[in-house]
Amino acid sequence: MFRLAEAAEHGWHLQHYHAQRLRVWRTAEDAGRAAGDARITARAALVIGSIHGADGNLEQAAPLLREAAELAGRTGDTQWEADAHRHLGDVLRQTGGTTGALHHLRRARDLYRGLGMPPEESDALGKLATVHLVRWEFDAAAREAERALALLAGGAGSSPAYAQLRGLAAAAYLRLGRVAEARAAAEEAVAVHRRAGNRLGEAYGLGGLGLVAREEGDTATALACHRTALRLFEELGNAPGTAYARGDLGGLLLLLGDPAAAVREFEAALTVLSGLRHPVAEGLCRLHLAEALVLAGDPVGAAREQRSGEALLAGTDGWPQLDEARARLTALGLPATATS
């Protein structure tokens, strides 16, 4: 079963066949644990954990990835160890632990560098760029994205990995005020994903392009980008992306002065997020919903969402956007709540 799972993994991974992968790898995991085979168990835990991470099931992903990193380090499977640290860092970033995320992603970067694996090192650097974006360390985010792009070999300019990194660079450039560079990078990311037939990447790229258009004051294009991204995410059955797109729509609708429509988008996003157990995204969305509810004339509901959001955000470190959301609520007259 282990050989079968490995043989099928590459094609399944590219096509996002998560349900099929989970069935096969859970069987391999059971066999590895029953036989006391640390190597098979490490590999199975790595793949299953990475699938859960991609699907937004973060509570399930983290312990499996920790186990995979420990077992692979013990058995000397350095690439699997690096893979586990890379995926674990990404999961920790999403659950609020940006300090831990930086630690694991830097470990992955160093292991890949030692193995002479530029594409994998590039991916680790891209994930580091994402953590720096979360921490509002925009210069560092731009540098890591550019370093990651430089590692990609010839021909990589047409790859989904290249497009994803250009999207990350666009996000950093936008927050640094380099709007023209952000638009060029975001447009290129979307075009490359489309040519590669990567609909999931295209959806995320459109979300980034929508944020650029919003910054430029082109709200019609921003709405079109976010709505197309939402449609793609829903067609793909990608829950994290669906919540992300609805959150972007809600924020844009608030900007356009339609808090009632924003409330509907944030509530729809929360319906998805509550099933994913993604505390930071859900907590932040609840703070945004609180803002929309105040503006829609429901301060009682807003206070309720604010309390629920803060409860989810306990223990979060390195997310300045949370403080920004809290400041907006205070400016609207909601009292500050206890934060950790």
C-alpha atoms as a PDB file:
ATOM      1  CA  MET A   1       0.000   0.000   0.000  1.00  0.00           C
ATOM      2  CA  PHE A   2       2.897   2.389   0.749  1.00  0.00           C
ATOM      3  CA  ARG A   3       4.338   1.885  -2.752  1.00  0.00           C
ATOM      4  CA  LEU A   4       0.900   2.386  -4.317  1.00  0.00           C
ATOM      5  CA  ALA A   5       0.362   5.589  -2.373  1.00  0.00           C
ATOM      6  CA  GLU A   6       3.765   6.935  -3.382  1.00  0.00           C
ATOM      7  CA  ALA A   7       3.242   5.993  -7.024  1.00  0.00           C
ATOM      8  CA  ALA A   8      -0.081   7.842  -7.219  1.00  0.00           C
ATOM      9  CA  GLU A   9       0.922  10.815  -5.089  1.00  0.00           C
ATOM     10  CA  HIS A  10       2.425  13.094  -7.720  1.00  0.00           C
ATOM     11  CA  GLY A  11      -0.541  13.124 -10.075  1.00  0.00           C
ATOM     12  CA  TRP A  12      -3.097  13.288  -7.286  1.00  0.00           C
ATOM     13  CA  HIS A  13      -1.283  16.174  -5.623  1.00  0.00           C
ATOM     14  CA  LEU A  14      -1.285  18.220  -8.827  1.00  0.00           C
ATOM     15  CA  GLN A  15      -5.002  17.639  -9.344  1.00  0.00           C
ATOM     16  CA  HIS A  16      -5.935  18.300  -5.688  1.00  0.00           C
ATOM     17  CA  TYR A  17      -7.563  14.852  -5.336  1.00  0.00           C
ATOM     18  CA  HIS A  18      -7.619  15.179  -1.583  1.00  0.00           C
ATOM     19  CA  ALA A  19     -10.347  12.646  -0.773  1.00  0.00           C
ATOM     20  CA  GLN A  20      -8.630   9.903  -2.766  1.00  0.00           C
ATOM     21  CA  ARG A  21      -5.247  10.720  -1.252  1.00  0.00           C
ATOM     22  CA  LEU A  22      -6.625  10.619   2.285  1.00  0.00           C
ATOM     23  CA  ARG A  23      -8.164   7.170   1.810  1.00  0.00           C
ATOM     24  CA  VAL A  24      -4.971   5.628   0.474  1.00  0.00           C
ATOM     25  CA  TRP A  25      -2.592   7.315   2.901  1.00  0.00           C
ATOM     26  CA  ARG A  26      -4.720   6.510   5.953  1.00  0.00           C
ATOM     27  CA  THR A  27      -4.462   2.850   4.991  1.00  0.00           C
ATOM     28  CA  ALA A  28      -0.690   3.251   4.636  1.00  0.00           C
ATOM     29  CA  GLU A  29      -0.546   5.031   8.007  1.00  0.00           C
ATOM     30  CA  ASP A  30      -2.450   2.222   9.740  1.00  0.00           C
ATOM     31  CA  ALA A  31      -0.077  -0.323   8.219  1.00  0.00           C
ATOM     32  CA  GLY A  32       2.985   1.652   9.271  1.00  0.00           C
ATOM     33  CA  ARG A  33       1.808   2.075  12.861  1.00  0.00           C
ATOM     34  CA  ALA A  34       0.813  -1.591  13.131  1.00  0.00           C
ATOM     35  CA  ALA A  35       4.250  -2.662  11.900  1.00  0.00           C
ATOM     36  CA  GLY A  36       6.096  -0.121  14.026  1.00  0.00           C
ATOM     37  CA  ASP A  37       7.657   1.303  10.866  1.00  0.00           C
ATOM     38  CA  ALA A  38       8.652   4.873  11.699  1.00  0.00           C
ATOM     39  CA  ARG A  39       9.546   5.674   8.101  1.00  0.00           C
ATOM     40  CA  ILE A  40       6.164   4.737   6.637  1.00  0.00           C
ATOM     41  CA  THR A  41       4.389   6.416   9.547  1.00  0.00           C
ATOM     42  CA  ALA A  42       6.384   9.621   9.018  1.00  0.00           C
ATOM     43  CA  ARG A  43       5.563   9.741   5.323  1.00  0.00           C
ATOM     44  CA  ALA A  44       1.876   9.033   5.868  1.00  0.00           C
ATOM     45  CA  ALA A  45       1.618  11.587   8.676  1.00  0.00           C
ATOM     46  CA  LEU A  46       3.312  14.147   6.439  1.00  0.00           C
ATOM     47  CA  VAL A  47       0.944  13.648   3.509  1.00  0.00           C
ATOM     48  CA  ILE A  48      -2.220  13.436   5.627  1.00  0.00           C
ATOM     49  CA  GLY A  49      -1.168  16.469   7.652  1.00  0.00           C
ATOM     50  CA  SER A  50      -0.433  18.482   4.517  1.00  0.00           C
ATOM     51  CA  ILE A  51      -3.836  17.573   3.056  1.00  0.00           C
ATOM     52  CA  HIS A  52      -5.594  18.678   6.236  1.00  0.00           C
ATOM     53  CA  GLY A  53      -3.606  21.905   6.135  1.00  0.00           C
ATOM     54  CA  ALA A  54      -4.584  22.578   2.520  1.00  0.00           C
ATOM     55  CA  ASP A  55      -8.230  21.883   3.331  1.00  0.00           C
ATOM     56  CA  GLY A  56      -8.188  24.206   6.353  1.00  0.00           C
ATOM     57  CA  ASN A  57      -8.455  21.446   8.967  1.00  0.00           C
ATOM     58  CA  LEU A  58      -5.648  22.995  10.970  1.00  0.00           C
ATOM     59  CA  GLU A  59      -6.244  21.319  14.322  1.00  0.00           C
ATOM     60  CA  GLN A  60      -5.877  17.932  12.655  1.00  0.00           C
ATOM     61  CA  ALA A  61      -2.886  19.001  10.586  1.00  0.00           C
ATOM     62  CA  ALA A  62      -0.549  20.363  13.279  1.00  0.00           C
ATOM     63  CA  PRO A  63       0.012  17.238  15.431  1.00  0.00           C
ATOM     64  CA  LEU A  64       0.504  15.028  12.379  1.00  0.00           C
ATOM     65  CA  LEU A  65       3.076  17.389  10.922  1.00  0.00           C
ATOM     66  CA  ARG A  66       4.917  17.666  14.233  1.00  0.00           C
ATOM     67  CA  GLU A  67       5.047  13.873  14.403  1.00  0.00           C
ATOM     68  CA  ALA A  68       6.227  13.657  10.798  1.00  0.00           C
ATOM     69  CA  ALA A  69       9.060  16.136  11.420  1.00  0.00           C
ATOM     70  CA  GLU A  70      10.204  14.261  14.539  1.00  0.00           C
ATOM     71  CA  LEU A  71      10.039  10.798  12.952  1.00  0.00           C
ATOM     72  CA  ALA A  72      11.676  11.868   9.695  1.00  0.00           C
ATOM     73  CA  GLY A  73      14.480  13.537  11.622  1.00  0.00           C
ATOM     74  CA  ARG A  74      14.993  10.316  13.558  1.00  0.00           C
ATOM     75  CA  THR A  75      15.013   8.084  10.477  1.00  0.00           C
ATOM     76  CA  GLY A  76      17.250  10.406   8.473  1.00  0.00           C
ATOM     77  CA  ASP A  77      14.660  11.229   5.801  1.00  0.00           C
ATOM     78  CA  THR A  78      15.809  14.822   5.550  1.00  0.00           C
ATOM     79  CA  GLN A  79      13.556  15.862   2.694  1.00  0.00           C
ATOM     80  CA  TRP A  80      10.462  14.589   4.513  1.00  0.00           C
ATOM     81  CA  GLU A  81      11.645  16.383   7.637  1.00  0.00           C
ATOM     82  CA  ALA A  82      11.991  19.593   5.648  1.00  0.00           C
ATOM     83  CA  ASP A  83       8.564  19.077   4.071  1.00  0.00           C
ATOM     84  CA  ALA A  84       7.000  18.601   7.500  1.00  0.00           C
ATOM     85  CA  HIS A  85       8.589  21.785   8.880  1.00  0.00           C
ATOM     86  CA  ARG A  86       7.448  23.687   5.788  1.00  0.00           C
ATOM     87  CA  HIS A  87       3.833  22.587   6.081  1.00  0.00           C
ATOM     88  CA  LEU A  88       3.826  22.982   9.863  1.00  0.00           C
ATOM     89  CA  GLY A  89       5.092  26.540   9.587  1.00  0.00           C
ATOM     90  CA  ASP A  90       2.248  27.360   7.239  1.00  0.00           C
ATOM     91  CA  VAL A  91      -0.312  25.812   9.601  1.00  0.00           C
ATOM     92  CA  LEU A  92       1.075  27.706  12.607  1.00  0.00           C
ATOM     93  CA  ARG A  93       0.860  30.971  10.690  1.00  0.00           C
ATOM     94  CA  GLN A  94      -2.830  30.329  10.047  1.00  0.00           C
ATOM     95  CA  THR A  95      -3.523  29.469  13.685  1.00  0.00           C
ATOM     96  CA  GLY A  96      -1.894  32.664  14.933  1.00  0.00           C
ATOM     97  CA  GLY A  97       1.564  31.496  15.956  1.00  0.00           C
ATOM     98  CA  THR A  98       3.728  33.572  13.646  1.00  0.00           C
ATOM     99  CA  THR A  99       6.840  33.228  15.812  1.00  0.00           C
ATOM    100  CA  GLY A 100       6.656  29.437  15.643  1.00  0.00           C
ATOM    101  CA  ALA A 101       5.867  29.648  11.944  1.00  0.00           C
ATOM    102  CA  LEU A 102       9.056  31.587  11.279  1.00  0.00           C
ATOM    103  CA  HIS A 103      11.083  29.002  13.248  1.00  0.00           C
ATOM    104  CA  HIS A 104       9.780  25.996  11.314  1.00  0.00           C
ATOM    105  CA  LEU A 105       9.939  27.677   7.918  1.00  0.00           C
ATOM    106  CA  ARG A 106      13.526  28.776   8.475  1.00  0.00           C
ATOM    107  CA  ARG A 107      14.373  25.210   9.485  1.00  0.00           C
ATOM    108  CA  ALA A 108      12.777  23.947   6.265  1.00  0.00           C
ATOM    109  CA  ARG A 109      14.656  26.555   4.212  1.00  0.00           C
ATOM    110  CA  ASP A 110      17.988  25.513   5.723  1.00  0.00           C
ATOM    111  CA  LEU A 111      17.335  21.802   5.203  1.00  0.00           C
ATOM    112  CA  TYR A 112      16.375  22.311   1.565  1.00  0.00           C
ATOM    113  CA  ARG A 113      19.434  24.486   1.014  1.00  0.00           C
ATOM    114  CA  GLY A 114      21.630  21.748   2.462  1.00  0.00           C
ATOM    115  CA  LEU A 115      19.989  19.189   0.191  1.00  0.00           C
ATOM    116  CA  GLY A 116      20.485  21.363  -2.884  1.00  0.00           C
ATOM    117  CA  MET A 117      16.758  21.625  -3.659  1.00  0.00           C
ATOM    118  CA  PRO A 118      16.148  25.152  -5.041  1.00  0.00           C
ATOM    119  CA  PRO A 119      12.429  24.718  -5.921  1.00  0.00           C
ATOM    120  CA  GLU A 120      11.605  23.493  -2.422  1.00  0.00           C
ATOM    121  CA  GLU A 121      13.782  26.162  -0.813  1.00  0.00           C
ATOM    122  CA  SER A 122      11.936  28.689  -2.964  1.00  0.00           C
ATOM    123  CA  ASP A 123       8.594  27.449  -1.641  1.00  0.00           C
ATOM    124  CA  ALA A 124       9.799  27.732   1.956  1.00  0.00           C
ATOM    125  CA  LEU A 125      10.927  31.293   1.250  1.00  0.00           C
ATOM    126  CA  GLY A 126       7.520  32.047  -0.242  1.00  0.00           C
ATOM    127  CA  LYS A 127       5.839  30.829   2.919  1.00  0.00           C
ATOM    128  CA  LEU A 128       8.228  32.960   4.952  1.00  0.00           C
ATOM    129  CA  ALA A 129       7.132  35.909   2.825  1.00  0.00           C
ATOM    130  CA  THR A 130       3.523  35.103   3.712  1.00  0.00           C
ATOM    131  CA  VAL A 131       4.326  35.162   7.443  1.00  0.00           C
ATOM    132  CA  HIS A 132       6.087  38.505   7.066  1.00  0.00           C
ATOM    133  CA  LEU A 133       2.992  39.831   5.267  1.00  0.00           C
ATOM    134  CA  VAL A 134       0.831  38.746   8.216  1.00  0.00           C
ATOM    135  CA  ARG A 135       3.235  40.499  10.588  1.00  0.00           C
ATOM    136  CA  TRP A 136       3.156  43.624   8.395  1.00  0.00           C
ATOM    137  CA  GLU A 137       6.891  43.290   7.780  1.00  0.00           C
ATOM    138  CA  PHE A 138       6.446  44.305   4.175  1.00  0.00           C
ATOM    139  CA  ASP A 139      10.072  44.974   3.250  1.00  0.00           C
ATOM    140  CA  ALA A 140      11.016  41.516   4.542  1.00  0.00           C
ATOM    141  CA  ALA A 141       8.075  39.982   2.679  1.00  0.00           C
ATOM    142  CA  ALA A 142       9.172  41.566  -0.599  1.00  0.00           C
ATOM    143  CA  ARG A 143      12.761  40.423  -0.090  1.00  0.00           C
ATOM    144  CA  GLU A 144      11.797  36.822   0.661  1.00  0.00           C
ATOM    145  CA  ALA A 145       9.449  36.685  -2.335  1.00  0.00           C
ATOM    146  CA  GLU A 146      12.153  38.065  -4.609  1.00  0.00           C
ATOM    147  CA  ARG A 147      14.726  35.593  -3.239  1.00  0.00           C
ATOM    148  CA  ALA A 148      12.270  32.793  -3.824  1.00  0.00           C
ATOM    149  CA  LEU A 149      11.704  33.901  -7.423  1.00  0.00           C
ATOM    150  CA  ALA A 150      15.455  34.073  -8.034  1.00  0.00           C
ATOM    151  CA  LEU A 151      15.810  30.405  -7.036  1.00  0.00           C
ATOM    152  CA  LEU A 152      13.421  29.171  -9.695  1.00  0.00           C
ATOM    153  CA  ALA A 153      15.226  27.695 -12.687  1.00  0.00           C
ATOM    154  CA  GLY A 154      14.728  28.551 -16.372  1.00  0.00           C
ATOM    155  CA  GLY A 155      11.195  28.054 -17.601  1.00  0.00           C
ATOM    156  CA  ALA A 156       9.787  28.649 -14.137  1.00  0.00           C
ATOM    157  CA  GLY A 157       8.260  31.904 -15.328  1.00  0.00           C
ATOM    158  CA  SER A 158       5.360  29.861 -16.672  1.00  0.00           C
ATOM    159  CA  SER A 159       4.877  27.675 -13.584  1.00  0.00           C
ATOM    160  CA  PRO A 160       2.187  27.887 -10.896  1.00  0.00           C
ATOM    161  CA  ALA A 161       4.950  28.245  -8.282  1.00  0.00           C
ATOM    162  CA  TYR A 162       6.260  31.319 -10.095  1.00  0.00           C
ATOM    163  CA  ALA A 163       2.752  32.756 -10.316  1.00  0.00           C
ATOM    164  CA  GLN A 164       2.126  32.224  -6.608  1.00  0.00           C
ATOM    165  CA  LEU A 165       5.348  34.019  -5.715  1.00  0.00           C
ATOM    166  CA  ARG A 166       4.487  36.904  -8.028  1.00  0.00           C
ATOM    167  CA  GLY A 167       1.172  37.149  -6.199  1.00  0.00           C
ATOM    168  CA  LEU A 168       3.000  37.336  -2.867  1.00  0.00           C
ATOM    169  CA  ALA A 169       5.317  40.000  -4.229  1.00  0.00           C
ATOM    170  CA  ALA A 170       2.271  41.937  -5.427  1.00  0.00           C
ATOM    171  CA  ALA A 171       0.791  41.911  -1.928  1.00  0.00           C
ATOM    172  CA  ALA A 172       4.037  43.217  -0.444  1.00  0.00           C
ATOM    173  CA  TYR A 173       4.474  45.892  -3.117  1.00  0.00           C
ATOM    174  CA  LEU A 174       0.892  47.060  -2.576  1.00  0.00           C
ATOM    175  CA  ARG A 175       1.417  47.606   1.150  1.00  0.00           C
ATOM    176  CA  LEU A 176       4.712  49.390   0.428  1.00  0.00           C
ATOM    177  CA  GLY A 177       2.899  51.847  -1.847  1.00  0.00           C
ATOM    178  CA  ARG A 178       4.463  50.425  -5.018  1.00  0.00           C
ATOM    179  CA  VAL A 179       1.061  50.124  -6.676  1.00  0.00           C
ATOM    180  CA  ALA A 180       2.176  49.961 -10.316  1.00  0.00           C
ATOM    181  CA  GLU A 181       4.572  47.109  -9.490  1.00  0.00           C
ATOM    182  CA  ALA A 182       1.811  45.404  -7.518  1.00  0.00           C
ATOM    183  CA  ARG A 183      -0.582  45.541 -10.474  1.00  0.00           C
ATOM    184  CA  ALA A 184       2.018  44.178 -12.899  1.00  0.00           C
ATOM    185  CA  ALA A 185       2.871  41.316 -10.566  1.00  0.00           C
ATOM    186  CA  ALA A 186      -0.775  40.504  -9.800  1.00  0.00           C
ATOM    187  CA  GLU A 187      -1.791  40.531 -13.466  1.00  0.00           C
ATOM    188  CA  GLU A 188       1.122  38.284 -14.373  1.00  0.00           C
ATOM    189  CA  ALA A 189       0.219  35.860 -11.582  1.00  0.00           C
ATOM    190  CA  VAL A 190      -3.353  35.506 -12.839  1.00  0.00           C
ATOM    191  CA  ALA A 191      -2.229  35.085 -16.458  1.00  0.00           C
ATOM    192  CA  VAL A 192       0.299  32.363 -15.596  1.00  0.00           C
ATOM    193  CA  HIS A 193      -2.197  30.437 -13.484  1.00  0.00           C
ATOM    194  CA  ARG A 194      -4.722  30.577 -16.322  1.00  0.00           C
ATOM    195  CA  ARG A 195      -2.239  29.305 -18.887  1.00  0.00           C
ATOM    196  CA  ALA A 196      -1.278  26.458 -16.565  1.00  0.00           C
ATOM    197  CA  GLY A 197      -4.929  25.534 -15.972  1.00  0.00           C
ATOM    198  CA  ASN A 198      -4.461  26.088 -12.232  1.00  0.00           C
ATOM    199  CA  ARG A 199      -7.945  27.282 -11.297  1.00  0.00           C
ATOM    200  CA  LEU A 200      -7.214  27.389  -7.568  1.00  0.00           C
ATOM    201  CA  GLY A 201      -4.172  29.577  -8.151  1.00  0.00           C
ATOM    202  CA  GLU A 202      -6.188  31.735 -10.521  1.00  0.00           C
ATOM    203  CA  ALA A 203      -8.821  32.267  -7.825  1.00  0.00           C
ATOM    204  CA  TYR A 204      -6.252  33.400  -5.267  1.00  0.00           C
ATOM    205  CA  GLY A 205      -4.557  35.543  -7.894  1.00  0.00           C
ATOM    206  CA  LEU A 206      -7.843  37.261  -8.721  1.00  0.00           C
ATOM    207  CA  GLY A 207      -8.316  38.026  -5.052  1.00  0.00           C
ATOM    208  CA  GLY A 208      -4.956  39.782  -5.019  1.00  0.00           C
ATOM    209  CA  LEU A 209      -5.739  41.641  -8.220  1.00  0.00           C
ATOM    210  CA  GLY A 210      -9.016  42.782  -6.669  1.00  0.00           C
ATOM    211  CA  LEU A 211      -7.122  44.295  -3.730  1.00  0.00           C
ATOM    212  CA  VAL A 212      -4.870  46.189  -6.154  1.00  0.00           C
ATOM    213  CA  ALA A 213      -7.900  47.514  -8.032  1.00  0.00           C
ATOM    214  CA  ARG A 214      -9.468  48.566  -4.738  1.00  0.00           C
ATOM    215  CA  GLU A 215      -6.326  50.516  -3.803  1.00  0.00           C
ATOM    216  CA  GLU A 216      -6.461  52.226  -7.215  1.00  0.00           C
ATOM    217  CA  GLY A 217     -10.079  53.237  -6.616  1.00  0.00           C
ATOM    218  CA  ASP A 218     -11.401  50.945  -9.360  1.00  0.00           C
ATOM    219  CA  THR A 219     -14.149  49.358  -7.276  1.00  0.00           C
ATOM    220  CA  ALA A 220     -16.003  47.909 -10.276  1.00  0.00           C
ATOM    221  CA  THR A 221     -12.961  45.846 -11.250  1.00  0.00           C
ATOM    222  CA  ALA A 222     -12.340  44.926  -7.629  1.00  0.00           C
ATOM    223  CA  LEU A 223     -15.896  43.611  -7.270  1.00  0.00           C
ATOM    224  CA  ALA A 224     -15.595  41.634 -10.493  1.00  0.00           C
ATOM    225  CA  CYS A 225     -12.304  40.071  -9.374  1.00  0.00           C
ATOM    226  CA  HIS A 226     -13.587  39.072  -5.938  1.00  0.00           C
ATOM    227  CA  ARG A 227     -16.845  37.658  -7.328  1.00  0.00           C
ATOM    228  CA  THR A 228     -15.042  35.629  -9.984  1.00  0.00           C
ATOM    229  CA  ALA A 229     -12.619  34.353  -7.349  1.00  0.00           C
ATOM    230  CA  LEU A 230     -15.567  33.339  -5.159  1.00  0.00           C
ATOM    231  CA  ARG A 231     -17.200  31.473  -8.032  1.00  0.00           C
ATOM    232  CA  LEU A 232     -13.999  29.557  -8.749  1.00  0.00           C
ATOM    233  CA  PHE A 233     -13.455  28.650  -5.095  1.00  0.00           C
ATOM    234  CA  GLU A 234     -17.027  27.405  -4.790  1.00  0.00           C
ATOM    235  CA  GLU A 235     -16.779  25.373  -8.001  1.00  0.00           C
ATOM    236  CA  LEU A 236     -13.591  23.777  -6.694  1.00  0.00           C
ATOM    237  CA  GLY A 237     -15.134  23.105  -3.293  1.00  0.00           C
ATOM    238  CA  ASN A 238     -12.260  24.955  -1.620  1.00  0.00           C
ATOM    239  CA  ALA A 239     -13.562  26.097   1.759  1.00  0.00           C
ATOM    240  CA  PRO A 240     -10.648  28.306   2.912  1.00  0.00           C
ATOM    241  CA  GLY A 241     -10.657  30.165  -0.386  1.00  0.00           C
ATOM    242  CA  THR A 242     -14.421  30.596  -0.306  1.00  0.00           C
ATOM    243  CA  ALA A 243     -14.208  32.208   3.125  1.00  0.00           C
ATOM    244  CA  TYR A 244     -11.284  34.370   1.987  1.00  0.00           C
ATOM    245  CA  ALA A 245     -13.197  35.629  -1.069  1.00  0.00           C
ATOM    246  CA  ARG A 246     -16.341  36.397   0.913  1.00  0.00           C
ATOM    247  CA  GLY A 247     -14.272  38.301   3.456  1.00  0.00           C
ATOM    248  CA  ASP A 248     -12.728  40.393   0.674  1.00  0.00           C
ATOM    249  CA  LEU A 249     -16.192  41.090  -0.717  1.00  0.00           C
ATOM    250  CA  GLY A 250     -17.432  42.110   2.709  1.00  0.00           C
ATOM    251  CA  GLY A 251     -14.567  44.531   3.175  1.00  0.00           C
ATOM    252  CA  LEU A 252     -15.149  46.084  -0.232  1.00  0.00           C
ATOM    253  CA  LEU A 253     -18.882  46.437   0.383  1.00  0.00           C
ATOM    254  CA  LEU A 254     -18.135  48.251   3.647  1.00  0.00           C
ATOM    255  CA  LEU A 255     -15.912  50.636   1.708  1.00  0.00           C
ATOM    256  CA  LEU A 256     -18.749  51.174  -0.781  1.00  0.00           C
ATOM    257  CA  GLY A 257     -21.143  52.106   2.026  1.00  0.00           C
ATOM    258  CA  ASP A 258     -23.320  48.976   1.972  1.00  0.00           C
ATOM    259  CA  PRO A 259     -22.944  47.517   5.486  1.00  0.00           C
ATOM    260  CA  ALA A 260     -26.047  45.310   5.172  1.00  0.00           C
ATOM    261  CA  ALA A 261     -24.556  43.517   2.165  1.00  0.00           C
ATOM    262  CA  ALA A 262     -21.206  43.337   3.976  1.00  0.00           C
ATOM    263  CA  VAL A 263     -22.925  41.660   6.935  1.00  0.00           C
ATOM    264  CA  ARG A 264     -24.281  38.972   4.610  1.00  0.00           C
ATOM    265  CA  GLU A 265     -20.826  38.279   3.150  1.00  0.00           C
ATOM    266  CA  PHE A 266     -19.111  38.114   6.533  1.00  0.00           C
ATOM    267  CA  GLU A 267     -21.837  35.832   7.896  1.00  0.00           C
ATOM    268  CA  ALA A 268     -21.469  33.546   4.869  1.00  0.00           C
ATOM    269  CA  ALA A 269     -17.693  33.491   5.413  1.00  0.00           C
ATOM    270  CA  LEU A 270     -18.228  32.547   9.062  1.00  0.00           C
ATOM    271  CA  THR A 271     -20.497  29.684   8.075  1.00  0.00           C
ATOM    272  CA  VAL A 272     -17.522  28.212   6.226  1.00  0.00           C
ATOM    273  CA  LEU A 273     -14.877  29.142   8.793  1.00  0.00           C
ATOM    274  CA  SER A 274     -16.775  27.703  11.742  1.00  0.00           C
ATOM    275  CA  GLY A 275     -16.566  24.296  10.077  1.00  0.00           C
ATOM    276  CA  LEU A 276     -12.825  24.619   9.507  1.00  0.00           C
ATOM    277  CA  ARG A 277     -11.775  25.434  13.073  1.00  0.00           C
ATOM    278  CA  HIS A 278      -9.501  28.200  11.849  1.00  0.00           C
ATOM    279  CA  PRO A 279      -9.479  30.449  14.941  1.00  0.00           C
ATOM    280  CA  VAL A 280      -7.524  33.434  13.625  1.00  0.00           C
ATOM    281  CA  ALA A 281      -9.433  33.769  10.366  1.00  0.00           C
ATOM    282  CA  GLU A 282     -12.738  33.265  12.170  1.00  0.00           C
ATOM    283  CA  GLY A 283     -11.848  35.695  14.940  1.00  0.00           C
ATOM    284  CA  LEU A 284     -10.760  38.388  12.505  1.00  0.00           C
ATOM    285  CA  CYS A 285     -13.889  37.845  10.414  1.00  0.00           C
ATOM    286  CA  ARG A 286     -16.030  38.283  13.530  1.00  0.00           C
ATOM    287  CA  LEU A 287     -14.337  41.615  14.248  1.00  0.00           C
ATOM    288  CA  HIS A 288     -15.063  42.706  10.675  1.00  0.00           C
ATOM    289  CA  LEU A 289     -18.658  41.537  11.074  1.00  0.00           C
ATOM    290  CA  ALA A 290     -18.902  43.564  14.277  1.00  0.00           C
ATOM    291  CA  GLU A 291     -17.840  46.660  12.357  1.00  0.00           C
ATOM    292  CA  ALA A 292     -20.433  46.002   9.656  1.00  0.00           C
ATOM    293  CA  LEU A 293     -23.162  45.421  12.253  1.00  0.00           C
ATOM    294  CA  VAL A 294     -22.439  48.734  13.980  1.00  0.00           C
ATOM    295  CA  LEU A 295     -22.693  50.533  10.655  1.00  0.00           C
ATOM    296  CA  ALA A 296     -25.864  48.595   9.835  1.00  0.00           C
ATOM    297  CA  GLY A 297     -27.466  49.791  13.097  1.00  0.00           C
ATOM    298  CA  ASP A 298     -27.065  46.694  15.296  1.00  0.00           C
ATOM    299  CA  PRO A 299     -24.649  47.599  18.133  1.00  0.00           C
ATOM    300  CA  VAL A 300     -25.864  44.728  20.324  1.00  0.00           C
ATOM    301  CA  GLY A 301     -25.077  42.159  17.659  1.00  0.00           C
ATOM    302  CA  ALA A 302     -21.787  43.923  17.030  1.00  0.00           C
ATOM    303  CA  ALA A 303     -20.753  43.632  20.670  1.00  0.00           C
ATOM    304  CA  ARG A 304     -21.648  39.940  20.636  1.00  0.00           C
ATOM    305  CA  GLU A 305     -19.487  39.284  17.579  1.00  0.00           C
ATOM    306  CA  GLN A 306     -16.662  41.334  19.045  1.00  0.00           C
ATOM    307  CA  ARG A 307     -16.647  39.200  22.220  1.00  0.00           C
ATOM    308  CA  SER A 308     -16.776  35.973  20.210  1.00  0.00           C
ATOM    309  CA  GLY A 309     -13.968  37.138  17.969  1.00  0.00           C
ATOM    310  CA  GLU A 310     -11.691  38.109  20.834  1.00  0.00           C
ATOM    311  CA  ALA A 311     -12.251  34.740  22.517  1.00  0.00           C
ATOM    312  CA  LEU A 312     -10.997  33.019  19.361  1.00  0.00           C
ATOM    313  CA  LEU A 313      -7.972  35.292  19.101  1.00  0.00           C
ATOM    314  CA  ALA A 314      -6.555  34.572  22.564  1.00  0.00           C
ATOM    315  CA  GLY A 315      -2.861  33.689  22.325  1.00  0.00           C
ATOM    316  CA  THR A 316      -2.391  35.081  18.819  1.00  0.00           C
ATOM    317  CA  ASP A 317       0.971  36.724  18.219  1.00  0.00           C
ATOM    318  CA  GLY A 318       2.277  38.922  15.451  1.00  0.00           C
ATOM    319  CA  TRP A 319      -0.954  39.965  13.684  1.00  0.00           C
ATOM    320  CA  PRO A 320      -1.071  43.813  13.504  1.00  0.00           C
ATOM    321  CA  GLN A 321      -4.230  43.684  11.389  1.00  0.00           C
ATOM    322  CA  LEU A 322      -6.069  42.549  14.520  1.00  0.00           C
ATOM    323  CA  ASP A 323      -5.086  45.768  16.264  1.00  0.00           C
ATOM    324  CA  GLU A 324      -6.248  47.724  13.218  1.00  0.00           C
ATOM    325  CA  ALA A 325      -9.656  46.014  13.311  1.00  0.00           C
ATOM    326  CA  ARG A 326      -9.924  46.676  17.052  1.00  0.00           C
ATOM    327  CA  ALA A 327      -9.076  50.355  16.556  1.00  0.00           C
ATOM    328  CA  ARG A 328     -11.860  50.715  14.011  1.00  0.00           C
ATOM    329  CA  LEU A 329     -14.350  49.189  16.454  1.00  0.00           C
ATOM    330  CA  THR A 330     -13.225  51.554  19.201  1.00  0.00           C
ATOM    331  CA  ALA A 331     -13.633  54.495  16.823  1.00  0.00           C
ATOM    332  CA  LEU A 332     -17.200  53.332  16.154  1.00  0.00           C
ATOM    333  CA  GLY A 333     -18.002  53.392  19.879  1.00  0.00           C
ATOM    334  CA  LEU A 334     -17.592  49.736  20.895  1.00  0.00           C
ATOM    335  CA  PRO A 335     -15.606  49.437  24.129  1.00  0.00           C
ATOM    336  CA  ALA A 336     -12.272  47.692  23.955  1.00  0.00           C
ATOM    337  CA  THR A 337     -12.333  44.077  25.108  1.00  0.00           C
ATOM    338  CA  ALA A 338      -9.616  42.165  26.939  1.00  0.00           C
ATOM    339  CA  THR A 339      -6.969  40.793  24.587  1.00  0.00           C
ATOM    340  CA  SER A 340      -3.983  38.592  25.189  1.00  0.00           C
END
